[in-house]
Amino acid sequence: MPTWTDPGPVEFDAVVIAAGTRSGAFVALPYDAVDLFGTRGRVPVVAEVDDVRYHASLVAYGGPHLLAVLRSVRATTGKDVGDTVRVVVRLAAEVSAVPR
């Protein structure tokens, strides 16, 4: 089982970006996930986008780690592609973490 480093809450502002031709959207983590979480792989997190909380994963596809911004979150916040959102991610409590 992987072990991640727990950096505590990570807060940043980001622009919501379209995920190709699909209806999905994401924001990019503006920090190095290896430095923060100790991995280049998937990072299970609890995310808050403009105070709407949900479980998600930070994933990398050959670039920075990305966080999906669910359609339901975009509908609740009234924000969509091109809008800036306030993001807070925390390592999910149910995973093994090495305290920092």
PDB file of N, CA and C in Angstrom:
ATOM      1  N   MET A   1       0.849  -1.189   0.000  1.00  0.00           N
ATOM      2  CA  MET A   1       0.000   0.000   0.000  1.00  0.00           C
ATOM      3  C   MET A   1       0.888   1.243   0.000  1.00  0.00           C
ATOM      4  N   PRO A   2       0.596   2.201  -0.869  1.00  0.00           N
ATOM      5  CA  PRO A   2       1.407   3.422  -0.914  1.00  0.00           C
ATOM      6  C   PRO A   2       1.276   4.235   0.373  1.00  0.00           C
ATOM      7  N   THR A   3       2.293   5.004   0.636  1.00  0.00           N
ATOM      8  CA  THR A   3       2.274   5.936   1.758  1.00  0.00           C
ATOM      9  C   THR A   3       2.574   7.320   1.208  1.00  0.00           C
ATOM     10  N   TRP A   4       1.771   8.285   1.607  1.00  0.00           N
ATOM     11  CA  TRP A   4       1.932   9.656   1.150  1.00  0.00           C
ATOM     12  C   TRP A   4       2.408  10.524   2.299  1.00  0.00           C
ATOM     13  N   THR A   5       3.035  11.634   1.976  1.00  0.00           N
ATOM     14  CA  THR A   5       3.390  12.645   2.966  1.00  0.00           C
ATOM     15  C   THR A   5       2.196  13.571   3.119  1.00  0.00           C
ATOM     16  N   ASP A   6       1.848  13.908   4.363  1.00  0.00           N
ATOM     17  CA  ASP A   6       0.714  14.800   4.605  1.00  0.00           C
ATOM     18  C   ASP A   6       1.220  16.218   4.837  1.00  0.00           C
ATOM     19  N   PRO A   7       1.052  17.113   3.846  1.00  0.00           N
ATOM     20  CA  PRO A   7       1.528  18.488   4.002  1.00  0.00           C
ATOM     21  C   PRO A   7       0.524  19.394   4.717  1.00  0.00           C
ATOM     22  N   GLY A   8      -0.634  18.835   5.106  1.00  0.00           N
ATOM     23  CA  GLY A   8      -1.696  19.673   5.659  1.00  0.00           C
ATOM     24  C   GLY A   8      -2.478  20.290   4.516  1.00  0.00           C
ATOM     25  N   PRO A   9      -3.363  21.236   4.816  1.00  0.00           N
ATOM     26  CA  PRO A   9      -4.157  21.849   3.751  1.00  0.00           C
ATOM     27  C   PRO A   9      -3.278  22.605   2.753  1.00  0.00           C
ATOM     28  N   VAL A  10      -3.556  22.413   1.475  1.00  0.00           N
ATOM     29  CA  VAL A  10      -2.844  23.106   0.408  1.00  0.00           C
ATOM     30  C   VAL A  10      -3.873  23.993  -0.294  1.00  0.00           C
ATOM     31  N   GLU A  11      -3.661  25.307  -0.248  1.00  0.00           N
ATOM     32  CA  GLU A  11      -4.630  26.263  -0.800  1.00  0.00           C
ATOM     33  C   GLU A  11      -4.031  27.011  -1.986  1.00  0.00           C
ATOM     34  N   PHE A  12      -4.874  27.242  -2.992  1.00  0.00           N
ATOM     35  CA  PHE A  12      -4.431  28.007  -4.155  1.00  0.00           C
ATOM     36  C   PHE A  12      -5.637  28.462  -4.964  1.00  0.00           C
ATOM     37  N   ASP A  13      -5.434  29.458  -5.793  1.00  0.00           N
ATOM     38  CA  ASP A  13      -6.439  29.901  -6.755  1.00  0.00           C
ATOM     39  C   ASP A  13      -6.041  29.326  -8.104  1.00  0.00           C
ATOM     40  N   ALA A  14      -7.042  28.919  -8.888  1.00  0.00           N
ATOM     41  CA  ALA A  14      -6.752  28.330 -10.194  1.00  0.00           C
ATOM     42  C   ALA A  14      -7.887  28.621 -11.161  1.00  0.00           C
ATOM     43  N   VAL A  15      -7.552  28.613 -12.437  1.00  0.00           N
ATOM     44  CA  VAL A  15      -8.538  28.780 -13.497  1.00  0.00           C
ATOM     45  C   VAL A  15      -9.037  27.396 -13.890  1.00  0.00           C
ATOM     46  N   VAL A  16     -10.348  27.246 -14.006  1.00  0.00           N
ATOM     47  CA  VAL A  16     -10.948  25.988 -14.443  1.00  0.00           C
ATOM     48  C   VAL A  16     -10.681  25.830 -15.936  1.00  0.00           C
ATOM     49  N   ILE A  17     -10.139  24.668 -16.305  1.00  0.00           N
ATOM     50  CA  ILE A  17      -9.732  24.388 -17.681  1.00  0.00           C
ATOM     51  C   ILE A  17     -10.585  23.251 -18.230  1.00  0.00           C
ATOM     52  N   ALA A  18     -10.978  23.348 -19.498  1.00  0.00           N
ATOM     53  CA  ALA A  18     -11.751  22.290 -20.148  1.00  0.00           C
ATOM     54  C   ALA A  18     -10.883  21.057 -20.353  1.00  0.00           C
ATOM     55  N   ALA A  19     -11.499  19.904 -20.208  1.00  0.00           N
ATOM     56  CA  ALA A  19     -10.798  18.629 -20.396  1.00  0.00           C
ATOM     57  C   ALA A  19     -11.044  18.114 -21.811  1.00  0.00           C
ATOM     58  N   GLY A  20     -10.396  18.711 -22.784  1.00  0.00           N
ATOM     59  CA  GLY A  20     -10.529  18.279 -24.175  1.00  0.00           C
ATOM     60  C   GLY A  20     -11.909  18.562 -24.731  1.00  0.00           C
ATOM     61  N   THR A  21     -12.430  17.615 -25.496  1.00  0.00           N
ATOM     62  CA  THR A  21     -13.726  17.804 -26.134  1.00  0.00           C
ATOM     63  C   THR A  21     -14.880  17.315 -25.263  1.00  0.00           C
ATOM     64  N   ARG A  22     -14.606  16.743 -24.143  1.00  0.00           N
ATOM     65  CA  ARG A  22     -15.639  16.243 -23.253  1.00  0.00           C
ATOM     66  C   ARG A  22     -16.170  17.374 -22.387  1.00  0.00           C
ATOM     67  N   SER A  23     -17.155  17.054 -21.573  1.00  0.00           N
ATOM     68  CA  SER A  23     -17.742  18.080 -20.704  1.00  0.00           C
ATOM     69  C   SER A  23     -16.989  18.224 -19.387  1.00  0.00           C
ATOM     70  N   GLY A  24     -15.918  17.478 -19.196  1.00  0.00           N
ATOM     71  CA  GLY A  24     -15.156  17.544 -17.962  1.00  0.00           C
ATOM     72  C   GLY A  24     -14.335  18.808 -17.847  1.00  0.00           C
ATOM     73  N   ALA A  25     -13.889  19.071 -16.609  1.00  0.00           N
ATOM     74  CA  ALA A  25     -13.054  20.244 -16.351  1.00  0.00           C
ATOM     75  C   ALA A  25     -12.132  19.930 -15.186  1.00  0.00           C
ATOM     76  N   PHE A  26     -11.048  20.670 -15.104  1.00  0.00           N
ATOM     77  CA  PHE A  26     -10.085  20.440 -14.035  1.00  0.00           C
ATOM     78  C   PHE A  26      -9.353  21.734 -13.698  1.00  0.00           C
ATOM     79  N   VAL A  27      -8.597  21.681 -12.601  1.00  0.00           N
ATOM     80  CA  VAL A  27      -7.629  22.725 -12.264  1.00  0.00           C
ATOM     81  C   VAL A  27      -6.286  22.039 -12.087  1.00  0.00           C
ATOM     82  N   ALA A  28      -5.225  22.770 -12.341  1.00  0.00           N
ATOM     83  CA  ALA A  28      -3.873  22.233 -12.198  1.00  0.00           C
ATOM     84  C   ALA A  28      -3.306  22.616 -10.834  1.00  0.00           C
ATOM     85  N   LEU A  29      -2.678  21.654 -10.178  1.00  0.00           N
ATOM     86  CA  LEU A  29      -1.987  21.908  -8.916  1.00  0.00           C
ATOM     87  C   LEU A  29      -0.750  22.750  -9.233  1.00  0.00           C
ATOM     88  N   PRO A  30      -0.617  23.953  -8.659  1.00  0.00           N
ATOM     89  CA  PRO A  30       0.520  24.814  -9.017  1.00  0.00           C
ATOM     90  C   PRO A  30       1.808  24.487  -8.256  1.00  0.00           C
ATOM     91  N   TYR A  31       1.824  23.378  -7.566  1.00  0.00           N
ATOM     92  CA  TYR A  31       2.996  22.953  -6.790  1.00  0.00           C
ATOM     93  C   TYR A  31       3.435  21.579  -7.254  1.00  0.00           C
ATOM     94  N   ASP A  32       4.643  21.207  -6.899  1.00  0.00           N
ATOM     95  CA  ASP A  32       5.174  19.892  -7.241  1.00  0.00           C
ATOM     96  C   ASP A  32       4.600  18.861  -6.266  1.00  0.00           C
ATOM     97  N   ALA A  33       3.843  17.897  -6.779  1.00  0.00           N
ATOM     98  CA  ALA A  33       3.209  16.881  -5.934  1.00  0.00           C
ATOM     99  C   ALA A  33       4.240  16.014  -5.216  1.00  0.00           C
ATOM    100  N   VAL A  34       5.404  15.820  -5.828  1.00  0.00           N
ATOM    101  CA  VAL A  34       6.454  15.040  -5.166  1.00  0.00           C
ATOM    102  C   VAL A  34       6.914  15.762  -3.909  1.00  0.00           C
ATOM    103  N   ASP A  35       7.113  17.071  -4.002  1.00  0.00           N
ATOM    104  CA  ASP A  35       7.527  17.854  -2.834  1.00  0.00           C
ATOM    105  C   ASP A  35       6.453  17.846  -1.749  1.00  0.00           C
ATOM    106  N   LEU A  36       5.187  17.973  -2.154  1.00  0.00           N
ATOM    107  CA  LEU A  36       4.093  18.059  -1.187  1.00  0.00           C
ATOM    108  C   LEU A  36       3.680  16.708  -0.624  1.00  0.00           C
ATOM    109  N   PHE A  37       3.410  15.754  -1.508  1.00  0.00           N
ATOM    110  CA  PHE A  37       2.796  14.489  -1.102  1.00  0.00           C
ATOM    111  C   PHE A  37       3.734  13.288  -1.192  1.00  0.00           C
ATOM    112  N   GLY A  38       4.939  13.495  -1.715  1.00  0.00           N
ATOM    113  CA  GLY A  38       5.927  12.424  -1.781  1.00  0.00           C
ATOM    114  C   GLY A  38       5.681  11.400  -2.873  1.00  0.00           C
ATOM    115  N   THR A  39       4.930  11.762  -3.926  1.00  0.00           N
ATOM    116  CA  THR A  39       4.666  10.813  -5.006  1.00  0.00           C
ATOM    117  C   THR A  39       4.438  11.517  -6.336  1.00  0.00           C
ATOM    118  N   ARG A  40       4.735  10.794  -7.405  1.00  0.00           N
ATOM    119  CA  ARG A  40       4.395  11.251  -8.757  1.00  0.00           C
ATOM    120  C   ARG A  40       3.058  10.649  -9.184  1.00  0.00           C
ATOM    121  N   GLY A  41       2.556   9.699  -8.408  1.00  0.00           N
ATOM    122  CA  GLY A  41       1.325   8.993  -8.754  1.00  0.00           C
ATOM    123  C   GLY A  41       0.075   9.690  -8.242  1.00  0.00           C
ATOM    124  N   ARG A  42      -1.006   8.932  -8.233  1.00  0.00           N
ATOM    125  CA  ARG A  42      -2.317   9.410  -7.777  1.00  0.00           C
ATOM    126  C   ARG A  42      -2.269   9.754  -6.298  1.00  0.00           C
ATOM    127  N   VAL A  43      -2.923  10.856  -5.943  1.00  0.00           N
ATOM    128  CA  VAL A  43      -2.995  11.294  -4.550  1.00  0.00           C
ATOM    129  C   VAL A  43      -4.472  11.426  -4.162  1.00  0.00           C
ATOM    130  N   PRO A  44      -4.976  10.566  -3.271  1.00  0.00           N
ATOM    131  CA  PRO A  44      -6.373  10.681  -2.840  1.00  0.00           C
ATOM    132  C   PRO A  44      -6.529  11.883  -1.905  1.00  0.00           C
ATOM    133  N   VAL A  45      -7.490  12.743  -2.209  1.00  0.00           N
ATOM    134  CA  VAL A  45      -7.665  13.976  -1.433  1.00  0.00           C
ATOM    135  C   VAL A  45      -9.132  14.247  -1.127  1.00  0.00           C
ATOM    136  N   VAL A  46      -9.334  15.105  -0.159  1.00  0.00           N
ATOM    137  CA  VAL A  46     -10.618  15.767   0.031  1.00  0.00           C
ATOM    138  C   VAL A  46     -10.390  17.164  -0.521  1.00  0.00           C
ATOM    139  N   ALA A  47     -11.204  17.535  -1.498  1.00  0.00           N
ATOM    140  CA  ALA A  47     -11.044  18.818  -2.167  1.00  0.00           C
ATOM    141  C   ALA A  47     -12.181  19.750  -1.789  1.00  0.00           C
ATOM    142  N   GLU A  48     -11.875  21.038  -1.780  1.00  0.00           N
ATOM    143  CA  GLU A  48     -12.893  22.077  -1.649  1.00  0.00           C
ATOM    144  C   GLU A  48     -12.660  23.064  -2.780  1.00  0.00           C
ATOM    145  N   VAL A  49     -13.692  23.281  -3.564  1.00  0.00           N
ATOM    146  CA  VAL A  49     -13.637  24.278  -4.625  1.00  0.00           C
ATOM    147  C   VAL A  49     -14.699  25.313  -4.286  1.00  0.00           C
ATOM    148  N   ASP A  50     -14.256  26.524  -3.996  1.00  0.00           N
ATOM    149  CA  ASP A  50     -15.164  27.583  -3.536  1.00  0.00           C
ATOM    150  C   ASP A  50     -16.096  27.061  -2.435  1.00  0.00           C
ATOM    151  N   ASP A  51     -15.504  26.374  -1.452  1.00  0.00           N
ATOM    152  CA  ASP A  51     -16.199  25.859  -0.261  1.00  0.00           C
ATOM    153  C   ASP A  51     -17.128  24.680  -0.515  1.00  0.00           C
ATOM    154  N   VAL A  52     -17.132  24.091  -1.699  1.00  0.00           N
ATOM    155  CA  VAL A  52     -17.895  22.872  -1.962  1.00  0.00           C
ATOM    156  C   VAL A  52     -16.923  21.703  -1.827  1.00  0.00           C
ATOM    157  N   ARG A  53     -17.198  20.800  -0.885  1.00  0.00           N
ATOM    158  CA  ARG A  53     -16.274  19.717  -0.543  1.00  0.00           C
ATOM    159  C   ARG A  53     -16.670  18.419  -1.243  1.00  0.00           C
ATOM    160  N   TYR A  54     -15.651  17.668  -1.704  1.00  0.00           N
ATOM    161  CA  TYR A  54     -15.878  16.357  -2.313  1.00  0.00           C
ATOM    162  C   TYR A  54     -14.587  15.540  -2.277  1.00  0.00           C
ATOM    163  N   HIS A  55     -14.719  14.223  -2.403  1.00  0.00           N
ATOM    164  CA  HIS A  55     -13.565  13.329  -2.465  1.00  0.00           C
ATOM    165  C   HIS A  55     -13.108  13.228  -3.909  1.00  0.00           C
ATOM    166  N   ALA A  56     -11.790  13.246  -4.109  1.00  0.00           N
ATOM    167  CA  ALA A  56     -11.239  13.225  -5.463  1.00  0.00           C
ATOM    168  C   ALA A  56      -9.819  12.671  -5.412  1.00  0.00           C
ATOM    169  N   SER A  57      -9.151  12.712  -6.525  1.00  0.00           N
ATOM    170  CA  SER A  57      -7.739  12.346  -6.606  1.00  0.00           C
ATOM    171  C   SER A  57      -7.017  13.378  -7.445  1.00  0.00           C
ATOM    172  N   LEU A  58      -5.797  13.658  -7.063  1.00  0.00           N
ATOM    173  CA  LEU A  58      -4.893  14.436  -7.906  1.00  0.00           C
ATOM    174  C   LEU A  58      -4.192  13.425  -8.801  1.00  0.00           C
ATOM    175  N   VAL A  59      -4.216  13.650 -10.103  1.00  0.00           N
ATOM    176  CA  VAL A  59      -3.599  12.722 -11.046  1.00  0.00           C
ATOM    177  C   VAL A  59      -2.746  13.498 -12.043  1.00  0.00           C
ATOM    178  N   ALA A  60      -1.722  12.830 -12.544  1.00  0.00           N
ATOM    179  CA  ALA A  60      -0.835  13.469 -13.525  1.00  0.00           C
ATOM    180  C   ALA A  60      -0.901  12.697 -14.830  1.00  0.00           C
ATOM    181  N   TYR A  61      -0.974  13.418 -15.919  1.00  0.00           N
ATOM    182  CA  TYR A  61      -0.973  12.830 -17.259  1.00  0.00           C
ATOM    183  C   TYR A  61       0.187  13.419 -18.047  1.00  0.00           C
ATOM    184  N   GLY A  62       1.389  13.282 -17.517  1.00  0.00           N
ATOM    185  CA  GLY A  62       2.560  13.786 -18.214  1.00  0.00           C
ATOM    186  C   GLY A  62       2.860  15.254 -17.953  1.00  0.00           C
ATOM    187  N   GLY A  63       2.188  15.857 -17.009  1.00  0.00           N
ATOM    188  CA  GLY A  63       2.406  17.255 -16.648  1.00  0.00           C
ATOM    189  C   GLY A  63       2.109  17.428 -15.174  1.00  0.00           C
ATOM    190  N   PRO A  64       1.616  18.590 -14.793  1.00  0.00           N
ATOM    191  CA  PRO A  64       1.303  18.809 -13.376  1.00  0.00           C
ATOM    192  C   PRO A  64       0.123  17.936 -12.958  1.00  0.00           C
ATOM    193  N   HIS A  65       0.007  17.713 -11.662  1.00  0.00           N
ATOM    194  CA  HIS A  65      -1.142  16.981 -11.144  1.00  0.00           C
ATOM    195  C   HIS A  65      -2.403  17.818 -11.353  1.00  0.00           C
ATOM    196  N   LEU A  66      -3.497  17.135 -11.695  1.00  0.00           N
ATOM    197  CA  LEU A  66      -4.768  17.789 -11.993  1.00  0.00           C
ATOM    198  C   LEU A  66      -5.837  17.329 -11.013  1.00  0.00           C
ATOM    199  N   LEU A  67      -6.786  18.213 -10.755  1.00  0.00           N
ATOM    200  CA  LEU A  67      -7.936  17.913  -9.913  1.00  0.00           C
ATOM    201  C   LEU A  67      -9.181  18.132 -10.752  1.00  0.00           C
ATOM    202  N   ALA A  68      -9.994  17.086 -10.901  1.00  0.00           N
ATOM    203  CA  ALA A  68     -11.252  17.231 -11.635  1.00  0.00           C
ATOM    204  C   ALA A  68     -12.186  18.141 -10.844  1.00  0.00           C
ATOM    205  N   VAL A  69     -12.847  19.044 -11.559  1.00  0.00           N
ATOM    206  CA  VAL A  69     -13.884  19.892 -10.957  1.00  0.00           C
ATOM    207  C   VAL A  69     -15.204  19.346 -11.488  1.00  0.00           C
ATOM    208  N   LEU A  70     -15.886  18.608 -10.630  1.00  0.00           N
ATOM    209  CA  LEU A  70     -17.103  17.913 -11.034  1.00  0.00           C
ATOM    210  C   LEU A  70     -18.158  18.863 -11.572  1.00  0.00           C
ATOM    211  N   ARG A  71     -18.968  18.354 -12.490  1.00  0.00           N
ATOM    212  CA  ARG A  71     -20.072  19.138 -13.047  1.00  0.00           C
ATOM    213  C   ARG A  71     -20.986  19.642 -11.936  1.00  0.00           C
ATOM    214  N   SER A  72     -21.256  18.798 -10.929  1.00  0.00           N
ATOM    215  CA  SER A  72     -22.124  19.203  -9.819  1.00  0.00           C
ATOM    216  C   SER A  72     -21.498  20.329  -9.000  1.00  0.00           C
ATOM    217  N   VAL A  73     -20.182  20.318  -8.868  1.00  0.00           N
ATOM    218  CA  VAL A  73     -19.483  21.387  -8.146  1.00  0.00           C
ATOM    219  C   VAL A  73     -19.563  22.679  -8.951  1.00  0.00           C
ATOM    220  N   ARG A  74     -19.367  22.587 -10.256  1.00  0.00           N
ATOM    221  CA  ARG A  74     -19.465  23.777 -11.108  1.00  0.00           C
ATOM    222  C   ARG A  74     -20.871  24.349 -11.070  1.00  0.00           C
ATOM    223  N   ALA A  75     -21.872  23.492 -11.055  1.00  0.00           N
ATOM    224  CA  ALA A  75     -23.262  23.969 -10.993  1.00  0.00           C
ATOM    225  C   ALA A  75     -23.548  24.649  -9.657  1.00  0.00           C
ATOM    226  N   THR A  76     -23.060  24.061  -8.568  1.00  0.00           N
ATOM    227  CA  THR A  76     -23.298  24.631  -7.232  1.00  0.00           C
ATOM    228  C   THR A  76     -22.606  25.971  -7.057  1.00  0.00           C
ATOM    229  N   THR A  77     -21.372  26.083  -7.568  1.00  0.00           N
ATOM    230  CA  THR A  77     -20.607  27.320  -7.395  1.00  0.00           C
ATOM    231  C   THR A  77     -20.959  28.376  -8.432  1.00  0.00           C
ATOM    232  N   GLY A  78     -21.584  27.958  -9.532  1.00  0.00           N
ATOM    233  CA  GLY A  78     -21.868  28.898 -10.618  1.00  0.00           C
ATOM    234  C   GLY A  78     -20.620  29.229 -11.415  1.00  0.00           C
ATOM    235  N   LYS A  79     -19.567  28.438 -11.241  1.00  0.00           N
ATOM    236  CA  LYS A  79     -18.296  28.672 -11.955  1.00  0.00           C
ATOM    237  C   LYS A  79     -18.120  27.588 -13.001  1.00  0.00           C
ATOM    238  N   ASP A  80     -17.459  27.937 -14.103  1.00  0.00           N
ATOM    239  CA  ASP A  80     -17.231  26.975 -15.173  1.00  0.00           C
ATOM    240  C   ASP A  80     -15.879  27.257 -15.819  1.00  0.00           C
ATOM    241  N   VAL A  81     -15.633  26.646 -16.942  1.00  0.00           N
ATOM    242  CA  VAL A  81     -14.368  26.793 -17.660  1.00  0.00           C
ATOM    243  C   VAL A  81     -14.065  28.277 -17.865  1.00  0.00           C
ATOM    244  N   GLY A  82     -12.832  28.658 -17.525  1.00  0.00           N
ATOM    245  CA  GLY A  82     -12.389  30.046 -17.671  1.00  0.00           C
ATOM    246  C   GLY A  82     -12.516  30.863 -16.400  1.00  0.00           C
ATOM    247  N   ASP A  83     -13.284  30.374 -15.436  1.00  0.00           N
ATOM    248  CA  ASP A  83     -13.454  31.097 -14.170  1.00  0.00           C
ATOM    249  C   ASP A  83     -12.359  30.708 -13.179  1.00  0.00           C
ATOM    250  N   THR A  84     -12.031  31.625 -12.281  1.00  0.00           N
ATOM    251  CA  THR A  84     -11.063  31.356 -11.226  1.00  0.00           C
ATOM    252  C   THR A  84     -11.800  30.881  -9.981  1.00  0.00           C
ATOM    253  N   VAL A  85     -11.260  29.829  -9.366  1.00  0.00           N
ATOM    254  CA  VAL A  85     -11.848  29.265  -8.157  1.00  0.00           C
ATOM    255  C   VAL A  85     -10.792  29.190  -7.061  1.00  0.00           C
ATOM    256  N   ARG A  86     -11.254  29.151  -5.821  1.00  0.00           N
ATOM    257  CA  ARG A  86     -10.377  28.953  -4.660  1.00  0.00           C
ATOM    258  C   ARG A  86     -10.403  27.469  -4.346  1.00  0.00           C
ATOM    259  N   VAL A  87      -9.233  26.850  -4.270  1.00  0.00           N
ATOM    260  CA  VAL A  87      -9.124  25.405  -4.076  1.00  0.00           C
ATOM    261  C   VAL A  87      -8.356  25.116  -2.789  1.00  0.00           C
ATOM    262  N   VAL A  88      -8.861  24.143  -2.037  1.00  0.00           N
ATOM    263  CA  VAL A  88      -8.135  23.609  -0.881  1.00  0.00           C
ATOM    264  C   VAL A  88      -8.144  22.097  -1.041  1.00  0.00           C
ATOM    265  N   VAL A  89      -6.969  21.471  -0.986  1.00  0.00           N
ATOM    266  CA  VAL A  89      -6.888  20.017  -1.003  1.00  0.00           C
ATOM    267  C   VAL A  89      -6.179  19.544   0.246  1.00  0.00           C
ATOM    268  N   ARG A  90      -6.677  18.432   0.778  1.00  0.00           N
ATOM    269  CA  ARG A  90      -6.075  17.784   1.947  1.00  0.00           C
ATOM    270  C   ARG A  90      -5.940  16.305   1.621  1.00  0.00           C
ATOM    271  N   LEU A  91      -4.865  15.691   2.060  1.00  0.00           N
ATOM    272  CA  LEU A  91      -4.708  14.262   1.884  1.00  0.00           C
ATOM    273  C   LEU A  91      -5.901  13.582   2.561  1.00  0.00           C
ATOM    274  N   ALA A  92      -6.526  12.637   1.877  1.00  0.00           N
ATOM    275  CA  ALA A  92      -7.697  11.937   2.432  1.00  0.00           C
ATOM    276  C   ALA A  92      -7.294  11.221   3.719  1.00  0.00           C
ATOM    277  N   ALA A  93      -8.123  11.335   4.732  1.00  0.00           N
ATOM    278  CA  ALA A  93      -7.826  10.797   6.055  1.00  0.00           C
ATOM    279  C   ALA A  93      -7.703   9.280   6.079  1.00  0.00           C
ATOM    280  N   GLU A  94      -8.351   8.589   5.158  1.00  0.00           N
ATOM    281  CA  GLU A  94      -8.360   7.133   5.199  1.00  0.00           C
ATOM    282  C   GLU A  94      -7.111   6.479   4.588  1.00  0.00           C
ATOM    283  N   VAL A  95      -6.132   7.268   4.170  1.00  0.00           N
ATOM    284  CA  VAL A  95      -4.913   6.697   3.602  1.00  0.00           C
ATOM    285  C   VAL A  95      -3.773   6.789   4.600  1.00  0.00           C
ATOM    286  N   SER A  96      -2.763   5.942   4.391  1.00  0.00           N
ATOM    287  CA  SER A  96      -1.576   5.983   5.248  1.00  0.00           C
ATOM    288  C   SER A  96      -0.753   7.207   4.878  1.00  0.00           C
ATOM    289  N   ALA A  97      -0.407   7.969   5.890  1.00  0.00           N
ATOM    290  CA  ALA A  97       0.373   9.184   5.635  1.00  0.00           C
ATOM    291  C   ALA A  97       1.546   9.253   6.584  1.00  0.00           C
ATOM    292  N   VAL A  98       2.630   9.770   6.078  1.00  0.00           N
ATOM    293  CA  VAL A  98       3.805  10.068   6.895  1.00  0.00           C
ATOM    294  C   VAL A  98       3.705  11.529   7.261  1.00  0.00           C
ATOM    295  N   PRO A  99       3.593  11.884   8.565  1.00  0.00           N
ATOM    296  CA  PRO A  99       3.483  13.297   8.930  1.00  0.00           C
ATOM    297  C   PRO A  99       4.724  14.065   8.516  1.00  0.00           C
ATOM    298  N   ARG A 100       4.513  15.303   8.170  1.00  0.00           N
ATOM    299  CA  ARG A 100       5.624  16.171   7.792  1.00  0.00           C
ATOM    300  C   ARG A 100       6.181  16.845   9.003  1.00  0.00           C
TER     301      ARG A 100
END
